[in-house]
Amino acid sequence: MDIDRPRLAKDLHQVYLKMCLVDGVFHGDPHPGNVAVQPDGT
């Protein structure tokens, strides 16, 4: 799909840090079956 994997890893890491450190509410089960990727890298 030509996904920019380094960009995806960084985005996901920042998303989870934001949830835990900033928002104070987080997705508690981020195993691979609960995370998918759309064609645009979202």
PDB file of all heavy atoms in Angstrom:
ATOM      1  N   MET A   1       0.822  -1.213   0.000  1.00  0.00           N
ATOM      2  CA  MET A   1       0.000   0.000   0.000  1.00  0.00           C
ATOM      3  C   MET A   1       0.858   1.266   0.000  1.00  0.00           C
ATOM      4  O   MET A   1       0.320   2.370  -0.028  1.00  0.00           O
ATOM      5  CB  MET A   1      -0.909   0.002   1.238  1.00  0.00           C
ATOM      6  CG  MET A   1      -1.964  -1.098   1.260  1.00  0.00           C
ATOM      7  SD  MET A   1      -2.661  -1.357   2.925  1.00  0.00           S
ATOM      8  CE  MET A   1      -3.300   0.265   3.312  1.00  0.00           C
ATOM      9  N   ASP A   2       2.190   1.093   0.047  1.00  0.00           N
ATOM     10  CA  ASP A   2       3.134   2.213   0.066  1.00  0.00           C
ATOM     11  C   ASP A   2       2.933   3.087   1.306  1.00  0.00           C
ATOM     12  O   ASP A   2       3.014   4.325   1.234  1.00  0.00           O
ATOM     13  CB  ASP A   2       2.991   3.054  -1.199  1.00  0.00           C
ATOM     14  CG  ASP A   2       4.237   3.916  -1.452  1.00  0.00           C
ATOM     15  OD1 ASP A   2       5.327   3.515  -0.986  1.00  0.00           O
ATOM     16  OD2 ASP A   2       4.115   4.979  -2.092  1.00  0.00           O
ATOM     17  N   ILE A   3       2.693   2.420   2.454  1.00  0.00           N
ATOM     18  CA  ILE A   3       2.548   3.150   3.721  1.00  0.00           C
ATOM     19  C   ILE A   3       3.929   3.540   4.242  1.00  0.00           C
ATOM     20  O   ILE A   3       4.863   2.744   4.229  1.00  0.00           O
ATOM     21  CB  ILE A   3       1.830   2.263   4.775  1.00  0.00           C
ATOM     22  CG1 ILE A   3       0.412   1.918   4.307  1.00  0.00           C
ATOM     23  CG2 ILE A   3       1.804   2.948   6.135  1.00  0.00           C
ATOM     24  CD1 ILE A   3      -0.511   3.105   4.177  1.00  0.00           C
ATOM     25  N   ASP A   4       4.064   4.764   4.693  1.00  0.00           N
ATOM     26  CA  ASP A   4       5.304   5.251   5.304  1.00  0.00           C
ATOM     27  C   ASP A   4       5.342   4.688   6.730  1.00  0.00           C
ATOM     28  O   ASP A   4       4.803   5.283   7.669  1.00  0.00           O
ATOM     29  CB  ASP A   4       5.312   6.777   5.316  1.00  0.00           C
ATOM     30  CG  ASP A   4       6.616   7.360   5.867  1.00  0.00           C
ATOM     31  OD1 ASP A   4       7.380   6.606   6.505  1.00  0.00           O
ATOM     32  OD2 ASP A   4       6.848   8.565   5.672  1.00  0.00           O
ATOM     33  N   ARG A   5       5.999   3.538   6.899  1.00  0.00           N
ATOM     34  CA  ARG A   5       5.968   2.856   8.194  1.00  0.00           C
ATOM     35  C   ARG A   5       6.640   3.644   9.315  1.00  0.00           C
ATOM     36  O   ARG A   5       6.121   3.684  10.437  1.00  0.00           O
ATOM     37  CB  ARG A   5       6.545   1.449   8.067  1.00  0.00           C
ATOM     38  CG  ARG A   5       5.597   0.509   7.309  1.00  0.00           C
ATOM     39  CD  ARG A   5       5.856  -0.925   7.683  1.00  0.00           C
ATOM     40  NE  ARG A   5       6.878  -1.554   6.877  1.00  0.00           N
ATOM     41  CZ  ARG A   5       7.823  -2.356   7.334  1.00  0.00           C
ATOM     42  NH1 ARG A   5       7.943  -2.587   8.619  1.00  0.00           N
ATOM     43  NH2 ARG A   5       8.691  -2.914   6.522  1.00  0.00           N
ATOM     44  N   PRO A   6       7.796   4.288   9.087  1.00  0.00           N
ATOM     45  CA  PRO A   6       8.364   5.122  10.159  1.00  0.00           C
ATOM     46  C   PRO A   6       7.415   6.238  10.598  1.00  0.00           C
ATOM     47  O   PRO A   6       7.283   6.531  11.785  1.00  0.00           O
ATOM     48  CB  PRO A   6       9.639   5.684   9.522  1.00  0.00           C
ATOM     49  CG  PRO A   6      10.042   4.635   8.539  1.00  0.00           C
ATOM     50  CD  PRO A   6       8.746   4.137   7.959  1.00  0.00           C
ATOM     51  N   ARG A   7       6.751   6.853   9.625  1.00  0.00           N
ATOM     52  CA  ARG A   7       5.787   7.900   9.952  1.00  0.00           C
ATOM     53  C   ARG A   7       4.609   7.335  10.749  1.00  0.00           C
ATOM     54  O   ARG A   7       4.143   7.942  11.724  1.00  0.00           O
ATOM     55  CB  ARG A   7       5.270   8.506   8.637  1.00  0.00           C
ATOM     56  CG  ARG A   7       4.209   9.586   8.764  1.00  0.00           C
ATOM     57  CD  ARG A   7       4.812  10.895   9.181  1.00  0.00           C
ATOM     58  NE  ARG A   7       4.588  11.195  10.590  1.00  0.00           N
ATOM     59  CZ  ARG A   7       5.140  12.204  11.210  1.00  0.00           C
ATOM     60  NH1 ARG A   7       5.951  13.016  10.587  1.00  0.00           N
ATOM     61  NH2 ARG A   7       4.889  12.419  12.483  1.00  0.00           N
ATOM     62  N   LEU A   8       4.131   6.146  10.351  1.00  0.00           N
ATOM     63  CA  LEU A   8       3.009   5.497  11.032  1.00  0.00           C
ATOM     64  C   LEU A   8       3.375   5.175  12.477  1.00  0.00           C
ATOM     65  O   LEU A   8       2.581   5.420  13.396  1.00  0.00           O
ATOM     66  CB  LEU A   8       2.613   4.221  10.284  1.00  0.00           C
ATOM     67  CG  LEU A   8       1.540   3.345  10.945  1.00  0.00           C
ATOM     68  CD1 LEU A   8       0.223   4.106  11.061  1.00  0.00           C
ATOM     69  CD2 LEU A   8       1.351   2.047  10.137  1.00  0.00           C
ATOM     70  N   ALA A   9       4.582   4.606  12.693  1.00  0.00           N
ATOM     71  CA  ALA A   9       5.010   4.262  14.054  1.00  0.00           C
ATOM     72  C   ALA A   9       5.076   5.510  14.933  1.00  0.00           C
ATOM     73  O   ALA A   9       4.630   5.505  16.086  1.00  0.00           O
ATOM     74  CB  ALA A   9       6.363   3.563  14.014  1.00  0.00           C
ATOM     75  N   LYS A  10       5.637   6.591  14.371  1.00  0.00           N
ATOM     76  CA  LYS A  10       5.736   7.829  15.143  1.00  0.00           C
ATOM     77  C   LYS A  10       4.358   8.407  15.456  1.00  0.00           C
ATOM     78  O   LYS A  10       4.099   8.851  16.579  1.00  0.00           O
ATOM     79  CB  LYS A  10       6.573   8.855  14.372  1.00  0.00           C
ATOM     80  CG  LYS A  10       6.818  10.139  15.164  1.00  0.00           C
ATOM     81  CD  LYS A  10       7.770  11.081  14.428  1.00  0.00           C
ATOM     82  CE  LYS A  10       8.052  12.332  15.262  1.00  0.00           C
ATOM     83  NZ  LYS A  10       8.976  13.260  14.587  1.00  0.00           N
ATOM     84  N   ASP A  11       3.475   8.385  14.452  1.00  0.00           N
ATOM     85  CA  ASP A  11       2.113   8.895  14.665  1.00  0.00           C
ATOM     86  C   ASP A  11       1.412   8.118  15.779  1.00  0.00           C
ATOM     87  O   ASP A  11       0.796   8.709  16.675  1.00  0.00           O
ATOM     88  CB  ASP A  11       1.297   8.796  13.378  1.00  0.00           C
ATOM     89  CG  ASP A  11       1.680   9.848  12.349  1.00  0.00           C
ATOM     90  OD1 ASP A  11       2.411  10.792  12.710  1.00  0.00           O
ATOM     91  OD2 ASP A  11       1.248   9.725  11.184  1.00  0.00           O
ATOM     92  N   LEU A  12       1.495   6.786  15.713  1.00  0.00           N
ATOM     93  CA  LEU A  12       0.834   5.962  16.724  1.00  0.00           C
ATOM     94  C   LEU A  12       1.407   6.220  18.109  1.00  0.00           C
ATOM     95  O   LEU A  12       0.668   6.310  19.098  1.00  0.00           O
ATOM     96  CB  LEU A  12       0.982   4.475  16.370  1.00  0.00           C
ATOM     97  CG  LEU A  12      -0.049   3.900  15.411  1.00  0.00           C
ATOM     98  CD1 LEU A  12       0.352   2.493  14.987  1.00  0.00           C
ATOM     99  CD2 LEU A  12      -1.436   3.883  16.050  1.00  0.00           C
ATOM    100  N   HIS A  13       2.730   6.316  18.177  1.00  0.00           N
ATOM    101  CA  HIS A  13       3.382   6.573  19.460  1.00  0.00           C
ATOM    102  C   HIS A  13       2.906   7.906  20.041  1.00  0.00           C
ATOM    103  O   HIS A  13       2.556   8.008  21.220  1.00  0.00           O
ATOM    104  CB  HIS A  13       4.896   6.578  19.263  1.00  0.00           C
ATOM    105  CG  HIS A  13       5.663   6.544  20.545  1.00  0.00           C
ATOM    106  ND1 HIS A  13       7.040   6.465  20.592  1.00  0.00           N
ATOM    107  CD2 HIS A  13       5.268   6.618  21.852  1.00  0.00           C
ATOM    108  CE1 HIS A  13       7.442   6.460  21.843  1.00  0.00           C
ATOM    109  NE2 HIS A  13       6.391   6.562  22.627  1.00  0.00           N
ATOM    110  N   GLN A  14       2.861   8.927  19.206  1.00  0.00           N
ATOM    111  CA  GLN A  14       2.412  10.240  19.674  1.00  0.00           C
ATOM    112  C   GLN A  14       0.939  10.213  20.094  1.00  0.00           C
ATOM    113  O   GLN A  14       0.554  10.866  21.071  1.00  0.00           O
ATOM    114  CB  GLN A  14       2.627  11.279  18.577  1.00  0.00           C
ATOM    115  CG  GLN A  14       4.096  11.607  18.330  1.00  0.00           C
ATOM    116  CD  GLN A  14       4.295  12.585  17.177  1.00  0.00           C
ATOM    117  OE1 GLN A  14       3.454  12.684  16.289  1.00  0.00           O
ATOM    118  NE2 GLN A  14       5.413  13.288  17.189  1.00  0.00           N
ATOM    119  N   VAL A  15       0.131   9.444  19.375  1.00  0.00           N
ATOM    120  CA  VAL A  15      -1.288   9.325  19.712  1.00  0.00           C
ATOM    121  C   VAL A  15      -1.456   8.718  21.105  1.00  0.00           C
ATOM    122  O   VAL A  15      -2.228   9.225  21.945  1.00  0.00           O
ATOM    123  CB  VAL A  15      -2.032   8.486  18.653  1.00  0.00           C
ATOM    124  CG1 VAL A  15      -3.384   8.002  19.185  1.00  0.00           C
ATOM    125  CG2 VAL A  15      -2.230   9.293  17.382  1.00  0.00           C
ATOM    126  N   TYR A  16      -0.729   7.640  21.371  1.00  0.00           N
ATOM    127  CA  TYR A  16      -0.867   6.985  22.676  1.00  0.00           C
ATOM    128  C   TYR A  16      -0.261   7.816  23.805  1.00  0.00           C
ATOM    129  O   TYR A  16      -0.797   7.839  24.924  1.00  0.00           O
ATOM    130  CB  TYR A  16      -0.269   5.570  22.631  1.00  0.00           C
ATOM    131  CG  TYR A  16      -1.270   4.574  22.092  1.00  0.00           C
ATOM    132  CD1 TYR A  16      -1.288   4.227  20.743  1.00  0.00           C
ATOM    133  CD2 TYR A  16      -2.230   4.019  22.921  1.00  0.00           C
ATOM    134  CE1 TYR A  16      -2.226   3.348  20.243  1.00  0.00           C
ATOM    135  CE2 TYR A  16      -3.179   3.138  22.434  1.00  0.00           C
ATOM    136  CZ  TYR A  16      -3.173   2.803  21.096  1.00  0.00           C
ATOM    137  OH  TYR A  16      -4.124   1.932  20.611  1.00  0.00           O
ATOM    138  N   LEU A  17       0.830   8.517  23.537  1.00  0.00           N
ATOM    139  CA  LEU A  17       1.382   9.411  24.545  1.00  0.00           C
ATOM    140  C   LEU A  17       0.397  10.542  24.855  1.00  0.00           C
ATOM    141  O   LEU A  17       0.234  10.935  26.017  1.00  0.00           O
ATOM    142  CB  LEU A  17       2.721   9.985  24.077  1.00  0.00           C
ATOM    143  CG  LEU A  17       3.929   9.054  24.137  1.00  0.00           C
ATOM    144  CD1 LEU A  17       5.134   9.703  23.464  1.00  0.00           C
ATOM    145  CD2 LEU A  17       4.270   8.677  25.571  1.00  0.00           C
ATOM    146  N   LYS A  18      -0.235  11.059  23.819  1.00  0.00           N
ATOM    147  CA  LYS A  18      -1.221  12.125  24.026  1.00  0.00           C
ATOM    148  C   LYS A  18      -2.367  11.622  24.896  1.00  0.00           C
ATOM    149  O   LYS A  18      -2.817  12.310  25.824  1.00  0.00           O
ATOM    150  CB  LYS A  18      -1.755  12.628  22.686  1.00  0.00           C
ATOM    151  CG  LYS A  18      -2.794  13.748  22.815  1.00  0.00           C
ATOM    152  CD  LYS A  18      -3.230  14.241  21.446  1.00  0.00           C
ATOM    153  CE  LYS A  18      -4.224  15.396  21.554  1.00  0.00           C
ATOM    154  NZ  LYS A  18      -5.527  14.991  22.109  1.00  0.00           N
ATOM    155  N   MET A  19      -2.843  10.414  24.613  1.00  0.00           N
ATOM    156  CA  MET A  19      -3.937   9.858  25.407  1.00  0.00           C
ATOM    157  C   MET A  19      -3.533   9.720  26.871  1.00  0.00           C
ATOM    158  O   MET A  19      -4.280  10.101  27.779  1.00  0.00           O
ATOM    159  CB  MET A  19      -4.369   8.496  24.847  1.00  0.00           C
ATOM    160  CG  MET A  19      -5.209   8.586  23.584  1.00  0.00           C
ATOM    161  SD  MET A  19      -5.992   7.014  23.125  1.00  0.00           S
ATOM    162  CE  MET A  19      -4.648   6.194  22.278  1.00  0.00           C
ATOM    163  N   CYS A  20      -2.343   9.149  27.106  1.00  0.00           N
ATOM    164  CA  CYS A  20      -1.917   8.844  28.476  1.00  0.00           C
ATOM    165  C   CYS A  20      -1.435  10.070  29.243  1.00  0.00           C
ATOM    166  O   CYS A  20      -1.735  10.216  30.439  1.00  0.00           O
ATOM    167  CB  CYS A  20      -0.816   7.782  28.457  1.00  0.00           C
ATOM    168  SG  CYS A  20      -1.374   6.142  27.920  1.00  0.00           S
ATOM    169  N   LEU A  21      -0.682  10.957  28.571  1.00  0.00           N
ATOM    170  CA  LEU A  21      -0.041  12.060  29.274  1.00  0.00           C
ATOM    171  C   LEU A  21      -0.786  13.390  29.198  1.00  0.00           C
ATOM    172  O   LEU A  21      -0.602  14.242  30.063  1.00  0.00           O
ATOM    173  CB  LEU A  21       1.381  12.271  28.737  1.00  0.00           C
ATOM    174  CG  LEU A  21       2.361  11.108  28.942  1.00  0.00           C
ATOM    175  CD1 LEU A  21       3.715  11.469  28.359  1.00  0.00           C
ATOM    176  CD2 LEU A  21       2.501  10.766  30.421  1.00  0.00           C
ATOM    177  N   VAL A  22      -1.608  13.555  28.175  1.00  0.00           N
ATOM    178  CA  VAL A  22      -2.257  14.854  27.969  1.00  0.00           C
ATOM    179  C   VAL A  22      -3.762  14.776  28.212  1.00  0.00           C
ATOM    180  O   VAL A  22      -4.316  15.505  29.042  1.00  0.00           O
ATOM    181  CB  VAL A  22      -1.983  15.387  26.546  1.00  0.00           C
ATOM    182  CG1 VAL A  22      -2.628  16.759  26.361  1.00  0.00           C
ATOM    183  CG2 VAL A  22      -0.486  15.456  26.282  1.00  0.00           C
ATOM    184  N   ASP A  23      -4.432  13.864  27.493  1.00  0.00           N
ATOM    185  CA  ASP A  23      -5.887  13.785  27.592  1.00  0.00           C
ATOM    186  C   ASP A  23      -6.345  13.134  28.891  1.00  0.00           C
ATOM    187  O   ASP A  23      -7.420  13.456  29.407  1.00  0.00           O
ATOM    188  CB  ASP A  23      -6.461  13.008  26.409  1.00  0.00           C
ATOM    189  CG  ASP A  23      -6.131  13.652  25.068  1.00  0.00           C
ATOM    190  OD1 ASP A  23      -5.933  14.883  25.057  1.00  0.00           O
ATOM    191  OD2 ASP A  23      -6.070  12.932  24.061  1.00  0.00           O
ATOM    192  N   GLY A  24      -5.567  12.171  29.378  1.00  0.00           N
ATOM    193  CA  GLY A  24      -5.946  11.480  30.609  1.00  0.00           C
ATOM    194  C   GLY A  24      -7.003  10.417  30.422  1.00  0.00           C
ATOM    195  O   GLY A  24      -7.589   9.931  31.394  1.00  0.00           O
ATOM    196  N   VAL A  25      -7.268  10.011  29.190  1.00  0.00           N
ATOM    197  CA  VAL A  25      -8.179   8.909  28.899  1.00  0.00           C
ATOM    198  C   VAL A  25      -7.613   8.167  27.701  1.00  0.00           C
ATOM    199  O   VAL A  25      -7.227   8.781  26.706  1.00  0.00           O
ATOM    200  CB  VAL A  25      -9.619   9.407  28.623  1.00  0.00           C
ATOM    201  CG1 VAL A  25      -9.653  10.434  27.500  1.00  0.00           C
ATOM    202  CG2 VAL A  25     -10.558   8.250  28.313  1.00  0.00           C
ATOM    203  N   PHE A  26      -7.521   6.838  27.784  1.00  0.00           N
ATOM    204  CA  PHE A  26      -6.762   6.109  26.774  1.00  0.00           C
ATOM    205  C   PHE A  26      -7.419   4.803  26.338  1.00  0.00           C
ATOM    206  O   PHE A  26      -8.203   4.196  27.072  1.00  0.00           O
ATOM    207  CB  PHE A  26      -5.344   5.811  27.306  1.00  0.00           C
ATOM    208  CG  PHE A  26      -5.334   4.975  28.573  1.00  0.00           C
ATOM    209  CD1 PHE A  26      -5.241   3.596  28.508  1.00  0.00           C
ATOM    210  CD2 PHE A  26      -5.407   5.581  29.817  1.00  0.00           C
ATOM    211  CE1 PHE A  26      -5.240   2.833  29.672  1.00  0.00           C
ATOM    212  CE2 PHE A  26      -5.406   4.827  30.983  1.00  0.00           C
ATOM    213  CZ  PHE A  26      -5.321   3.446  30.904  1.00  0.00           C
ATOM    214  N   HIS A  27      -7.095   4.402  25.126  1.00  0.00           N
ATOM    215  CA  HIS A  27      -7.472   3.111  24.553  1.00  0.00           C
ATOM    216  C   HIS A  27      -6.625   2.052  25.250  1.00  0.00           C
ATOM    217  O   HIS A  27      -5.409   2.051  25.148  1.00  0.00           O
ATOM    218  CB  HIS A  27      -7.189   3.142  23.048  1.00  0.00           C
ATOM    219  CG  HIS A  27      -7.476   1.867  22.327  1.00  0.00           C
ATOM    220  ND1 HIS A  27      -6.504   1.189  21.611  1.00  0.00           N
ATOM    221  CD2 HIS A  27      -8.611   1.152  22.197  1.00  0.00           C
ATOM    222  CE1 HIS A  27      -7.037   0.113  21.064  1.00  0.00           C
ATOM    223  NE2 HIS A  27      -8.316   0.076  21.402  1.00  0.00           N
ATOM    224  N   GLY A  28      -7.263   1.134  25.996  1.00  0.00           N
ATOM    225  CA  GLY A  28      -6.517   0.258  26.886  1.00  0.00           C
ATOM    226  C   GLY A  28      -6.079  -1.074  26.328  1.00  0.00           C
ATOM    227  O   GLY A  28      -5.484  -1.863  27.050  1.00  0.00           O
ATOM    228  N   ASP A  29      -6.346  -1.344  25.033  1.00  0.00           N
ATOM    229  CA  ASP A  29      -5.998  -2.663  24.498  1.00  0.00           C
ATOM    230  C   ASP A  29      -5.426  -2.537  23.090  1.00  0.00           C
ATOM    231  O   ASP A  29      -6.039  -2.976  22.111  1.00  0.00           O
ATOM    232  CB  ASP A  29      -7.248  -3.553  24.490  1.00  0.00           C
ATOM    233  CG  ASP A  29      -6.914  -5.027  24.342  1.00  0.00           C
ATOM    234  OD1 ASP A  29      -5.736  -5.396  24.530  1.00  0.00           O
ATOM    235  OD2 ASP A  29      -7.827  -5.818  24.048  1.00  0.00           O
ATOM    236  N   PRO A  30      -4.219  -1.946  22.961  1.00  0.00           N
ATOM    237  CA  PRO A  30      -3.670  -1.679  21.622  1.00  0.00           C
ATOM    238  C   PRO A  30      -2.932  -2.861  20.992  1.00  0.00           C
ATOM    239  O   PRO A  30      -1.908  -2.677  20.360  1.00  0.00           O
ATOM    240  CB  PRO A  30      -2.702  -0.529  21.913  1.00  0.00           C
ATOM    241  CG  PRO A  30      -2.184  -0.829  23.275  1.00  0.00           C
ATOM    242  CD  PRO A  30      -3.349  -1.411  24.031  1.00  0.00           C
ATOM    243  N   HIS A  31      -3.445  -4.089  21.189  1.00  0.00           N
ATOM    244  CA  HIS A  31      -2.754  -5.204  20.533  1.00  0.00           C
ATOM    245  C   HIS A  31      -3.036  -5.150  19.031  1.00  0.00           C
ATOM    246  O   HIS A  31      -3.987  -4.482  18.582  1.00  0.00           O
ATOM    247  CB  HIS A  31      -3.133  -6.545  21.166  1.00  0.00           C
ATOM    248  CG  HIS A  31      -4.521  -7.013  20.892  1.00  0.00           C
ATOM    249  ND1 HIS A  31      -4.926  -7.463  19.660  1.00  0.00           N
ATOM    250  CD2 HIS A  31      -5.607  -7.137  21.699  1.00  0.00           C
ATOM    251  CE1 HIS A  31      -6.193  -7.844  19.711  1.00  0.00           C
ATOM    252  NE2 HIS A  31      -6.626  -7.644  20.935  1.00  0.00           N
ATOM    253  N   PRO A  32      -2.229  -5.837  18.203  1.00  0.00           N
ATOM    254  CA  PRO A  32      -2.329  -5.684  16.741  1.00  0.00           C
ATOM    255  C   PRO A  32      -3.720  -5.913  16.161  1.00  0.00           C
ATOM    256  O   PRO A  32      -4.082  -5.289  15.164  1.00  0.00           O
ATOM    257  CB  PRO A  32      -1.340  -6.736  16.226  1.00  0.00           C
ATOM    258  CG  PRO A  32      -0.314  -6.818  17.301  1.00  0.00           C
ATOM    259  CD  PRO A  32      -1.071  -6.671  18.588  1.00  0.00           C
ATOM    260  N   GLY A  33      -4.522  -6.774  16.796  1.00  0.00           N
ATOM    261  CA  GLY A  33      -5.867  -7.008  16.281  1.00  0.00           C
ATOM    262  C   GLY A  33      -6.798  -5.835  16.446  1.00  0.00           C
ATOM    263  O   GLY A  33      -7.845  -5.758  15.801  1.00  0.00           O
ATOM    264  N   ASN A  34      -6.434  -4.888  17.301  1.00  0.00           N
ATOM    265  CA  ASN A  34      -7.285  -3.727  17.556  1.00  0.00           C
ATOM    266  C   ASN A  34      -6.769  -2.443  16.924  1.00  0.00           C
ATOM    267  O   ASN A  34      -7.277  -1.355  17.222  1.00  0.00           O
ATOM    268  CB  ASN A  34      -7.439  -3.503  19.072  1.00  0.00           C
ATOM    269  CG  ASN A  34      -8.337  -4.540  19.715  1.00  0.00           C
ATOM    270  OD1 ASN A  34      -9.141  -5.176  19.049  1.00  0.00           O
ATOM    271  ND2 ASN A  34      -8.187  -4.727  21.012  1.00  0.00           N
ATOM    272  N   VAL A  35      -5.749  -2.562  16.090  1.00  0.00           N
ATOM    273  CA  VAL A  35      -5.213  -1.394  15.383  1.00  0.00           C
ATOM    274  C   VAL A  35      -5.068  -1.747  13.908  1.00  0.00           C
ATOM    275  O   VAL A  35      -4.428  -2.745  13.568  1.00  0.00           O
ATOM    276  CB  VAL A  35      -3.842  -0.959  15.943  1.00  0.00           C
ATOM    277  CG1 VAL A  35      -3.368   0.315  15.254  1.00  0.00           C
ATOM    278  CG2 VAL A  35      -3.905  -0.764  17.463  1.00  0.00           C
ATOM    279  N   ALA A  36      -5.671  -0.951  13.048  1.00  0.00           N
ATOM    280  CA  ALA A  36      -5.592  -1.190  11.601  1.00  0.00           C
ATOM    281  C   ALA A  36      -5.103   0.082  10.917  1.00  0.00           C
ATOM    282  O   ALA A  36      -4.950   1.137  11.547  1.00  0.00           O
ATOM    283  CB  ALA A  36      -6.948  -1.608  11.056  1.00  0.00           C
ATOM    284  N   VAL A  37      -4.856  -0.034   9.617  1.00  0.00           N
ATOM    285  CA  VAL A  37      -4.321   1.099   8.854  1.00  0.00           C
ATOM    286  C   VAL A  37      -5.113   1.259   7.563  1.00  0.00           C
ATOM    287  O   VAL A  37      -5.360   0.281   6.848  1.00  0.00           O
ATOM    288  CB  VAL A  37      -2.827   0.881   8.510  1.00  0.00           C
ATOM    289  CG1 VAL A  37      -2.259   2.112   7.810  1.00  0.00           C
ATOM    290  CG2 VAL A  37      -2.023   0.546   9.761  1.00  0.00           C
ATOM    291  N   GLN A  38      -5.519   2.483   7.268  1.00  0.00           N
ATOM    292  CA  GLN A  38      -6.228   2.771   6.025  1.00  0.00           C
ATOM    293  C   GLN A  38      -5.226   3.110   4.924  1.00  0.00           C
ATOM    294  O   GLN A  38      -4.055   3.401   5.203  1.00  0.00           O
ATOM    295  CB  GLN A  38      -7.213   3.918   6.252  1.00  0.00           C
ATOM    296  CG  GLN A  38      -8.331   3.547   7.227  1.00  0.00           C
ATOM    297  CD  GLN A  38      -9.362   4.650   7.344  1.00  0.00           C
ATOM    298  OE1 GLN A  38      -9.046   5.773   7.727  1.00  0.00           O
ATOM    299  NE2 GLN A  38     -10.607   4.335   7.016  1.00  0.00           N
ATOM    300  N   PRO A  39      -5.659   3.075   3.658  1.00  0.00           N
ATOM    301  CA  PRO A  39      -4.741   3.305   2.531  1.00  0.00           C
ATOM    302  C   PRO A  39      -3.964   4.616   2.603  1.00  0.00           C
ATOM    303  O   PRO A  39      -2.845   4.707   2.096  1.00  0.00           O
ATOM    304  CB  PRO A  39      -5.667   3.274   1.314  1.00  0.00           C
ATOM    305  CG  PRO A  39      -6.787   2.368   1.722  1.00  0.00           C
ATOM    306  CD  PRO A  39      -7.002   2.669   3.182  1.00  0.00           C
ATOM    307  N   ASP A  40      -4.531   5.634   3.248  1.00  0.00           N
ATOM    308  CA  ASP A  40      -3.825   6.926   3.335  1.00  0.00           C
ATOM    309  C   ASP A  40      -2.884   6.997   4.535  1.00  0.00           C
ATOM    310  O   ASP A  40      -2.297   8.056   4.804  1.00  0.00           O
ATOM    311  CB  ASP A  40      -4.825   8.083   3.378  1.00  0.00           C
ATOM    312  CG  ASP A  40      -5.701   8.054   4.626  1.00  0.00           C
ATOM    313  OD1 ASP A  40      -5.583   7.099   5.420  1.00  0.00           O
ATOM    314  OD2 ASP A  40      -6.507   8.989   4.799  1.00  0.00           O
ATOM    315  N   GLY A  41      -2.727   5.878   5.278  1.00  0.00           N
ATOM    316  CA  GLY A  41      -1.824   5.843   6.418  1.00  0.00           C
ATOM    317  C   GLY A  41      -2.471   6.180   7.739  1.00  0.00           C
ATOM    318  O   GLY A  41      -1.805   6.159   8.785  1.00  0.00           O
ATOM    319  N   THR A  42      -3.762   6.477   7.735  1.00  0.00           N
ATOM    320  CA  THR A  42      -4.472   6.781   8.981  1.00  0.00           C
ATOM    321  C   THR A  42      -4.652   5.500   9.799  1.00  0.00           C
ATOM    322  O   THR A  42      -5.060   4.465   9.269  1.00  0.00           O
ATOM    323  CB  THR A  42      -5.853   7.393   8.690  1.00  0.00           C
ATOM    324  OG1 THR A  42      -5.692   8.578   7.914  1.00  0.00           O
ATOM    325  CG2 THR A  42      -6.584   7.736   9.987  1.00  0.00           C
TER     326      THR A  42
END
